C-alpha cells in the first residue's frame, strides 16, 4: 500500500492524501 504523493504537483492534494493514509493505511512516498 504505497503510492507516490502528488503534492509536489498539486499542494492541495495533501488533505486528501492524509485522510486516505489514516483511514485506509496507504503510505504516500514524499508526503
ModelCIF file with pLDDT and N, C-alpha, C, O atoms, coordinates in Angstrom:
data_MODEL
#
_entry.id   MODEL 
#
_entity.id                         1 
_entity.type                       polymer 
_entity.pdbx_number_of_molecules   1 
#
_entity_poly.entity_id                      1 
_entity_poly.type                           'polypeptide(L)' 
_entity_poly.nstd_linkage                   no 
_entity_poly.nstd_monomer                   no 
_entity_poly.pdbx_seq_one_letter_code       
;(UNK)(UNK)(UNK)(UNK)(UNK)(UNK)(UNK)(UNK)(UNK)(UNK)(UNK)(UNK)(UNK)(UNK)(UNK)(UNK)
(UNK)(UNK)(UNK)(UNK)(UNK)(UNK)(UNK)(UNK)(UNK)(UNK)(UNK)(UNK)(UNK)(UNK)(UNK)
;
_entity_poly.pdbx_seq_one_letter_code_can   XXXXXXXXXXXXXXXXXXXXXXXXXXXXXXX 
_entity_poly.pdbx_strand_id                 A 
#
loop_
_entity_poly_seq.entity_id 
_entity_poly_seq.num 
_entity_poly_seq.mon_id 
_entity_poly_seq.hetero 
1 1  UNK n 
1 2  UNK n 
1 3  UNK n 
1 4  UNK n 
1 5  UNK n 
1 6  UNK n 
1 7  UNK n 
1 8  UNK n 
1 9  UNK n 
1 10 UNK n 
1 11 UNK n 
1 12 UNK n 
1 13 UNK n 
1 14 UNK n 
1 15 UNK n 
1 16 UNK n 
1 17 UNK n 
1 18 UNK n 
1 19 UNK n 
1 20 UNK n 
1 21 UNK n 
1 22 UNK n 
1 23 UNK n 
1 24 UNK n 
1 25 UNK n 
1 26 UNK n 
1 27 UNK n 
1 28 UNK n 
1 29 UNK n 
1 30 UNK n 
1 31 UNK n 
#
_struct_asym.id          A 
_struct_asym.entity_id   1 
#
loop_
_ma_qa_metric.id 
_ma_qa_metric.mode 
_ma_qa_metric.name 
_ma_qa_metric.software_group_id 
_ma_qa_metric.type 
1 global pLDDT . pLDDT 
2 local  pLDDT . pLDDT 
#
_ma_qa_metric_global.metric_id      1 
_ma_qa_metric_global.metric_value   96.06 
_ma_qa_metric_global.model_id       1 
_ma_qa_metric_global.ordinal_id     1 
#
loop_
_ma_qa_metric_local.label_asym_id 
_ma_qa_metric_local.label_comp_id 
_ma_qa_metric_local.label_seq_id 
_ma_qa_metric_local.metric_id 
_ma_qa_metric_local.metric_value 
_ma_qa_metric_local.model_id 
_ma_qa_metric_local.ordinal_id 
A UNK 1  2 96.00 1 1  
A UNK 2  2 97.00 1 2  
A UNK 3  2 97.00 1 3  
A UNK 4  2 97.00 1 4  
A UNK 5  2 97.00 1 5  
A UNK 6  2 97.00 1 6  
A UNK 7  2 97.00 1 7  
A UNK 8  2 96.00 1 8  
A UNK 9  2 96.00 1 9  
A UNK 10 2 95.00 1 10 
A UNK 11 2 95.00 1 11 
A UNK 12 2 93.00 1 12 
A UNK 13 2 96.00 1 13 
A UNK 14 2 97.00 1 14 
A UNK 15 2 96.00 1 15 
A UNK 16 2 96.00 1 16 
A UNK 17 2 97.00 1 17 
A UNK 18 2 96.00 1 18 
A UNK 19 2 96.00 1 19 
A UNK 20 2 97.00 1 20 
A UNK 21 2 96.00 1 21 
A UNK 22 2 94.00 1 22 
A UNK 23 2 94.00 1 23 
A UNK 24 2 96.00 1 24 
A UNK 25 2 95.00 1 25 
A UNK 26 2 96.00 1 26 
A UNK 27 2 97.00 1 27 
A UNK 28 2 97.00 1 28 
A UNK 29 2 97.00 1 29 
A UNK 30 2 96.00 1 30 
A UNK 31 2 96.00 1 31 
#
loop_
_atom_site.group_PDB 
_atom_site.id 
_atom_site.type_symbol 
_atom_site.label_atom_id 
_atom_site.label_alt_id 
_atom_site.label_comp_id 
_atom_site.label_asym_id 
_atom_site.label_entity_id 
_atom_site.label_seq_id 
_atom_site.pdbx_PDB_ins_code 
_atom_site.Cartn_x 
_atom_site.Cartn_y 
_atom_site.Cartn_z 
_atom_site.occupancy 
_atom_site.B_iso_or_equiv 
_atom_site.pdbx_formal_charge 
_atom_site.auth_seq_id 
_atom_site.auth_comp_id 
_atom_site.auth_asym_id 
_atom_site.auth_atom_id 
_atom_site.pdbx_PDB_model_num 
ATOM 1   N N  . UNK A 1 1  ? 0.831  -1.208 0.000  1.00 96.00 ? 1  UNK A N  1 
ATOM 2   C CA . UNK A 1 1  ? 0.000  0.000  0.000  1.00 96.00 ? 1  UNK A CA 1 
ATOM 3   C C  . UNK A 1 1  ? 0.869  1.262  0.000  1.00 96.00 ? 1  UNK A C  1 
ATOM 4   O O  . UNK A 1 1  ? 0.917  2.008  0.978  1.00 96.00 ? 1  UNK A O  1 
ATOM 5   N N  . UNK A 1 2  ? 1.550  1.472  -1.126 1.00 97.00 ? 2  UNK A N  1 
ATOM 6   C CA . UNK A 1 2  ? 2.443  2.619  -1.269 1.00 97.00 ? 2  UNK A CA 1 
ATOM 7   C C  . UNK A 1 2  ? 2.177  3.284  -2.616 1.00 97.00 ? 2  UNK A C  1 
ATOM 8   O O  . UNK A 1 2  ? 2.109  2.626  -3.654 1.00 97.00 ? 2  UNK A O  1 
ATOM 9   N N  . UNK A 1 3  ? 2.028  4.608  -2.567 1.00 97.00 ? 3  UNK A N  1 
ATOM 10  C CA . UNK A 1 3  ? 1.862  5.408  -3.781 1.00 97.00 ? 3  UNK A CA 1 
ATOM 11  C C  . UNK A 1 3  ? 2.750  6.645  -3.677 1.00 97.00 ? 3  UNK A C  1 
ATOM 12  O O  . UNK A 1 3  ? 3.038  7.112  -2.575 1.00 97.00 ? 3  UNK A O  1 
ATOM 13  N N  . UNK A 1 4  ? 3.182  7.173  -4.813 1.00 97.00 ? 4  UNK A N  1 
ATOM 14  C CA . UNK A 1 4  ? 3.887  8.453  -4.743 1.00 97.00 ? 4  UNK A CA 1 
ATOM 15  C C  . UNK A 1 4  ? 2.889  9.577  -4.467 1.00 97.00 ? 4  UNK A C  1 
ATOM 16  O O  . UNK A 1 4  ? 1.758  9.544  -4.952 1.00 97.00 ? 4  UNK A O  1 
ATOM 17  N N  . UNK A 1 5  ? 3.310  10.558 -3.695 1.00 97.00 ? 5  UNK A N  1 
ATOM 18  C CA . UNK A 1 5  ? 2.459  11.714 -3.448 1.00 97.00 ? 5  UNK A CA 1 
ATOM 19  C C  . UNK A 1 5  ? 2.322  12.531 -4.733 1.00 97.00 ? 5  UNK A C  1 
ATOM 20  O O  . UNK A 1 5  ? 3.193  12.487 -5.602 1.00 97.00 ? 5  UNK A O  1 
ATOM 21  N N  . UNK A 1 6  ? 1.235  13.266 -4.843 1.00 97.00 ? 6  UNK A N  1 
ATOM 22  C CA . UNK A 1 6  ? 1.128  14.217 -5.951 1.00 97.00 ? 6  UNK A CA 1 
ATOM 23  C C  . UNK A 1 6  ? 1.179  15.656 -5.421 1.00 97.00 ? 6  UNK A C  1 
ATOM 24  O O  . UNK A 1 6  ? 0.884  16.605 -6.148 1.00 97.00 ? 6  UNK A O  1 
ATOM 25  N N  . UNK A 1 7  ? 1.559  15.806 -4.139 1.00 97.00 ? 7  UNK A N  1 
ATOM 26  C CA . UNK A 1 7  ? 1.609  17.148 -3.557 1.00 97.00 ? 7  UNK A CA 1 
ATOM 27  C C  . UNK A 1 7  ? 2.705  18.011 -4.173 1.00 97.00 ? 7  UNK A C  1 
ATOM 28  O O  . UNK A 1 7  ? 2.646  19.236 -4.073 1.00 97.00 ? 7  UNK A O  1 
ATOM 29  N N  . UNK A 1 8  ? 3.700  17.401 -4.807 1.00 96.00 ? 8  UNK A N  1 
ATOM 30  C CA . UNK A 1 8  ? 4.711  18.195 -5.491 1.00 96.00 ? 8  UNK A CA 1 
ATOM 31  C C  . UNK A 1 8  ? 4.134  18.845 -6.752 1.00 96.00 ? 8  UNK A C  1 
ATOM 32  O O  . UNK A 1 8  ? 4.615  19.889 -7.192 1.00 96.00 ? 8  UNK A O  1 
ATOM 33  N N  . UNK A 1 9  ? 3.109  18.228 -7.325 1.00 96.00 ? 9  UNK A N  1 
ATOM 34  C CA . UNK A 1 9  ? 2.420  18.795 -8.482 1.00 96.00 ? 9  UNK A CA 1 
ATOM 35  C C  . UNK A 1 9  ? 1.255  19.685 -8.063 1.00 96.00 ? 9  UNK A C  1 
ATOM 36  O O  . UNK A 1 9  ? 0.970  20.706 -8.689 1.00 96.00 ? 9  UNK A O  1 
ATOM 37  N N  . UNK A 1 10 ? 0.592  19.272 -6.991 1.00 95.00 ? 10 UNK A N  1 
ATOM 38  C CA . UNK A 1 10 ? -0.618 19.948 -6.528 1.00 95.00 ? 10 UNK A CA 1 
ATOM 39  C C  . UNK A 1 10 ? -0.630 19.943 -5.001 1.00 95.00 ? 10 UNK A C  1 
ATOM 40  O O  . UNK A 1 10 ? -1.081 18.976 -4.388 1.00 95.00 ? 10 UNK A O  1 
ATOM 41  N N  . UNK A 1 11 ? -0.138 21.015 -4.387 1.00 95.00 ? 11 UNK A N  1 
ATOM 42  C CA . UNK A 1 11 ? -0.066 21.046 -2.922 1.00 95.00 ? 11 UNK A CA 1 
ATOM 43  C C  . UNK A 1 11 ? -1.413 20.795 -2.238 1.00 95.00 ? 11 UNK A C  1 
ATOM 44  O O  . UNK A 1 11 ? -1.444 20.265 -1.127 1.00 95.00 ? 11 UNK A O  1 
ATOM 45  N N  . UNK A 1 12 ? -2.506 21.156 -2.868 1.00 93.00 ? 12 UNK A N  1 
ATOM 46  C CA . UNK A 1 12 ? -3.827 20.969 -2.279 1.00 93.00 ? 12 UNK A CA 1 
ATOM 47  C C  . UNK A 1 12 ? -4.233 19.518 -2.096 1.00 93.00 ? 12 UNK A C  1 
ATOM 48  O O  . UNK A 1 12 ? -5.232 19.242 -1.431 1.00 93.00 ? 12 UNK A O  1 
ATOM 49  N N  . UNK A 1 13 ? -3.482 18.580 -2.673 1.00 96.00 ? 13 UNK A N  1 
ATOM 50  C CA . UNK A 1 13 ? -3.795 17.156 -2.520 1.00 96.00 ? 13 UNK A CA 1 
ATOM 51  C C  . UNK A 1 13 ? -3.408 16.627 -1.144 1.00 96.00 ? 13 UNK A C  1 
ATOM 52  O O  . UNK A 1 13 ? -3.757 15.501 -0.790 1.00 96.00 ? 13 UNK A O  1 
ATOM 53  N N  . UNK A 1 14 ? -2.687 17.433 -0.367 1.00 97.00 ? 14 UNK A N  1 
ATOM 54  C CA . UNK A 1 14 ? -2.210 16.972 0.940  1.00 97.00 ? 14 UNK A CA 1 
ATOM 55  C C  . UNK A 1 14 ? -3.342 16.511 1.842  1.00 97.00 ? 14 UNK A C  1 
ATOM 56  O O  . UNK A 1 14 ? -3.237 15.460 2.474  1.00 97.00 ? 14 UNK A O  1 
ATOM 57  N N  . UNK A 1 15 ? -4.414 17.275 1.912  1.00 96.00 ? 15 UNK A N  1 
ATOM 58  C CA . UNK A 1 15 ? -5.533 16.920 2.793  1.00 96.00 ? 15 UNK A CA 1 
ATOM 59  C C  . UNK A 1 15 ? -6.116 15.566 2.411  1.00 96.00 ? 15 UNK A C  1 
ATOM 60  O O  . UNK A 1 15 ? -6.369 14.729 3.278  1.00 96.00 ? 15 UNK A O  1 
ATOM 61  N N  . UNK A 1 16 ? -6.330 15.350 1.117  1.00 96.00 ? 16 UNK A N  1 
ATOM 62  C CA . UNK A 1 16 ? -6.880 14.069 0.661  1.00 96.00 ? 16 UNK A CA 1 
ATOM 63  C C  . UNK A 1 16 ? -5.933 12.914 0.969  1.00 96.00 ? 16 UNK A C  1 
ATOM 64  O O  . UNK A 1 16 ? -6.367 11.859 1.431  1.00 96.00 ? 16 UNK A O  1 
ATOM 65  N N  . UNK A 1 17 ? -4.649 13.109 0.716  1.00 97.00 ? 17 UNK A N  1 
ATOM 66  C CA . UNK A 1 17 ? -3.684 12.037 0.967  1.00 97.00 ? 17 UNK A CA 1 
ATOM 67  C C  . UNK A 1 17 ? -3.579 11.713 2.455  1.00 97.00 ? 17 UNK A C  1 
ATOM 68  O O  . UNK A 1 17 ? -3.468 10.546 2.831  1.00 97.00 ? 17 UNK A O  1 
ATOM 69  N N  . UNK A 1 18 ? -3.612 12.725 3.289  1.00 96.00 ? 18 UNK A N  1 
ATOM 70  C CA . UNK A 1 18 ? -3.564 12.475 4.730  1.00 96.00 ? 18 UNK A CA 1 
ATOM 71  C C  . UNK A 1 18 ? -4.801 11.701 5.190  1.00 96.00 ? 18 UNK A C  1 
ATOM 72  O O  . UNK A 1 18 ? -4.695 10.802 6.024  1.00 96.00 ? 18 UNK A O  1 
ATOM 73  N N  . UNK A 1 19 ? -5.963 12.045 4.655  1.00 96.00 ? 19 UNK A N  1 
ATOM 74  C CA . UNK A 1 19 ? -7.187 11.330 5.013  1.00 96.00 ? 19 UNK A CA 1 
ATOM 75  C C  . UNK A 1 19 ? -7.095 9.860  4.599  1.00 96.00 ? 19 UNK A C  1 
ATOM 76  O O  . UNK A 1 19 ? -7.399 8.970  5.393  1.00 96.00 ? 19 UNK A O  1 
ATOM 77  N N  . UNK A 1 20 ? -6.680 9.607  3.366  1.00 97.00 ? 20 UNK A N  1 
ATOM 78  C CA . UNK A 1 20 ? -6.562 8.230  2.871  1.00 97.00 ? 20 UNK A CA 1 
ATOM 79  C C  . UNK A 1 20 ? -5.519 7.463  3.678  1.00 97.00 ? 20 UNK A C  1 
ATOM 80  O O  . UNK A 1 20 ? -5.707 6.282  3.969  1.00 97.00 ? 20 UNK A O  1 
ATOM 81  N N  . UNK A 1 21 ? -4.438 8.114  4.034  1.00 96.00 ? 21 UNK A N  1 
ATOM 82  C CA . UNK A 1 21 ? -3.377 7.482  4.819  1.00 96.00 ? 21 UNK A CA 1 
ATOM 83  C C  . UNK A 1 21 ? -3.911 6.996  6.169  1.00 96.00 ? 21 UNK A C  1 
ATOM 84  O O  . UNK A 1 21 ? -3.650 5.860  6.564  1.00 96.00 ? 21 UNK A O  1 
ATOM 85  N N  . UNK A 1 22 ? -4.654 7.848  6.875  1.00 94.00 ? 22 UNK A N  1 
ATOM 86  C CA . UNK A 1 22 ? -5.107 7.451  8.209  1.00 94.00 ? 22 UNK A CA 1 
ATOM 87  C C  . UNK A 1 22 ? -6.324 6.541  8.175  1.00 94.00 ? 22 UNK A C  1 
ATOM 88  O O  . UNK A 1 22 ? -6.516 5.756  9.103  1.00 94.00 ? 22 UNK A O  1 
ATOM 89  N N  . UNK A 1 23 ? -7.145 6.615  7.151  1.00 94.00 ? 23 UNK A N  1 
ATOM 90  C CA . UNK A 1 23 ? -8.366 5.800  7.109  1.00 94.00 ? 23 UNK A CA 1 
ATOM 91  C C  . UNK A 1 23 ? -8.174 4.443  6.430  1.00 94.00 ? 23 UNK A C  1 
ATOM 92  O O  . UNK A 1 23 ? -8.864 3.481  6.767  1.00 94.00 ? 23 UNK A O  1 
ATOM 93  N N  . UNK A 1 24 ? -7.227 4.359  5.461  1.00 96.00 ? 24 UNK A N  1 
ATOM 94  C CA . UNK A 1 24 ? -7.019 3.107  4.734  1.00 96.00 ? 24 UNK A CA 1 
ATOM 95  C C  . UNK A 1 24 ? -5.614 2.519  4.894  1.00 96.00 ? 24 UNK A C  1 
ATOM 96  O O  . UNK A 1 24 ? -5.386 1.367  4.528  1.00 96.00 ? 24 UNK A O  1 
ATOM 97  N N  . UNK A 1 25 ? -4.675 3.294  5.435  1.00 95.00 ? 25 UNK A N  1 
ATOM 98  C CA . UNK A 1 25 ? -3.332 2.775  5.652  1.00 95.00 ? 25 UNK A CA 1 
ATOM 99  C C  . UNK A 1 25 ? -2.423 2.849  4.446  1.00 95.00 ? 25 UNK A C  1 
ATOM 100 O O  . UNK A 1 25 ? -1.439 2.113  4.375  1.00 95.00 ? 25 UNK A O  1 
ATOM 101 N N  . UNK A 1 26 ? -2.722 3.707  3.507  1.00 96.00 ? 26 UNK A N  1 
ATOM 102 C CA . UNK A 1 26 ? -1.883 3.844  2.310  1.00 96.00 ? 26 UNK A CA 1 
ATOM 103 C C  . UNK A 1 26 ? -0.800 4.881  2.598  1.00 96.00 ? 26 UNK A C  1 
ATOM 104 O O  . UNK A 1 26 ? -1.091 5.995  3.035  1.00 96.00 ? 26 UNK A O  1 
ATOM 105 N N  . UNK A 1 27 ? 0.438  4.503  2.351  1.00 97.00 ? 27 UNK A N  1 
ATOM 106 C CA . UNK A 1 27 ? 1.567  5.420  2.542  1.00 97.00 ? 27 UNK A CA 1 
ATOM 107 C C  . UNK A 1 27 ? 1.816  6.168  1.239  1.00 97.00 ? 27 UNK A C  1 
ATOM 108 O O  . UNK A 1 27 ? 1.822  5.576  0.159  1.00 97.00 ? 27 UNK A O  1 
ATOM 109 N N  . UNK A 1 28 ? 2.019  7.468  1.353  1.00 97.00 ? 28 UNK A N  1 
ATOM 110 C CA . UNK A 1 28 ? 2.316  8.303  0.195  1.00 97.00 ? 28 UNK A CA 1 
ATOM 111 C C  . UNK A 1 28 ? 3.774  8.734  0.295  1.00 97.00 ? 28 UNK A C  1 
ATOM 112 O O  . UNK A 1 28 ? 4.138  9.558  1.134  1.00 97.00 ? 28 UNK A O  1 
ATOM 113 N N  . UNK A 1 29 ? 4.601  8.159  -0.581 1.00 97.00 ? 29 UNK A N  1 
ATOM 114 C CA . UNK A 1 29 ? 6.024  8.499  -0.586 1.00 97.00 ? 29 UNK A CA 1 
ATOM 115 C C  . UNK A 1 29 ? 6.187  9.969  -0.946 1.00 97.00 ? 29 UNK A C  1 
ATOM 116 O O  . UNK A 1 29 ? 5.673  10.432 -1.965 1.00 97.00 ? 29 UNK A O  1 
ATOM 117 N N  . UNK A 1 30 ? 6.904  10.694 -0.102 1.00 96.00 ? 30 UNK A N  1 
ATOM 118 C CA . UNK A 1 30 ? 7.142  12.106 -0.349 1.00 96.00 ? 30 UNK A CA 1 
ATOM 119 C C  . UNK A 1 30 ? 6.180  13.032 0.375  1.00 96.00 ? 30 UNK A C  1 
ATOM 120 O O  . UNK A 1 30 ? 6.375  14.247 0.372  1.00 96.00 ? 30 UNK A O  1 
ATOM 121 N N  . UNK A 1 31 ? 5.142  12.478 0.997  1.00 96.00 ? 31 UNK A N  1 
ATOM 122 C CA . UNK A 1 31 ? 4.200  13.304 1.759  1.00 96.00 ? 31 UNK A CA 1 
ATOM 123 C C  . UNK A 1 31 ? 4.908  13.780 3.024  1.00 96.00 ? 31 UNK A C  1 
ATOM 124 O O  . UNK A 1 31 ? 4.315  14.496 3.831  1.00 96.00 ? 31 UNK A O  1 
#
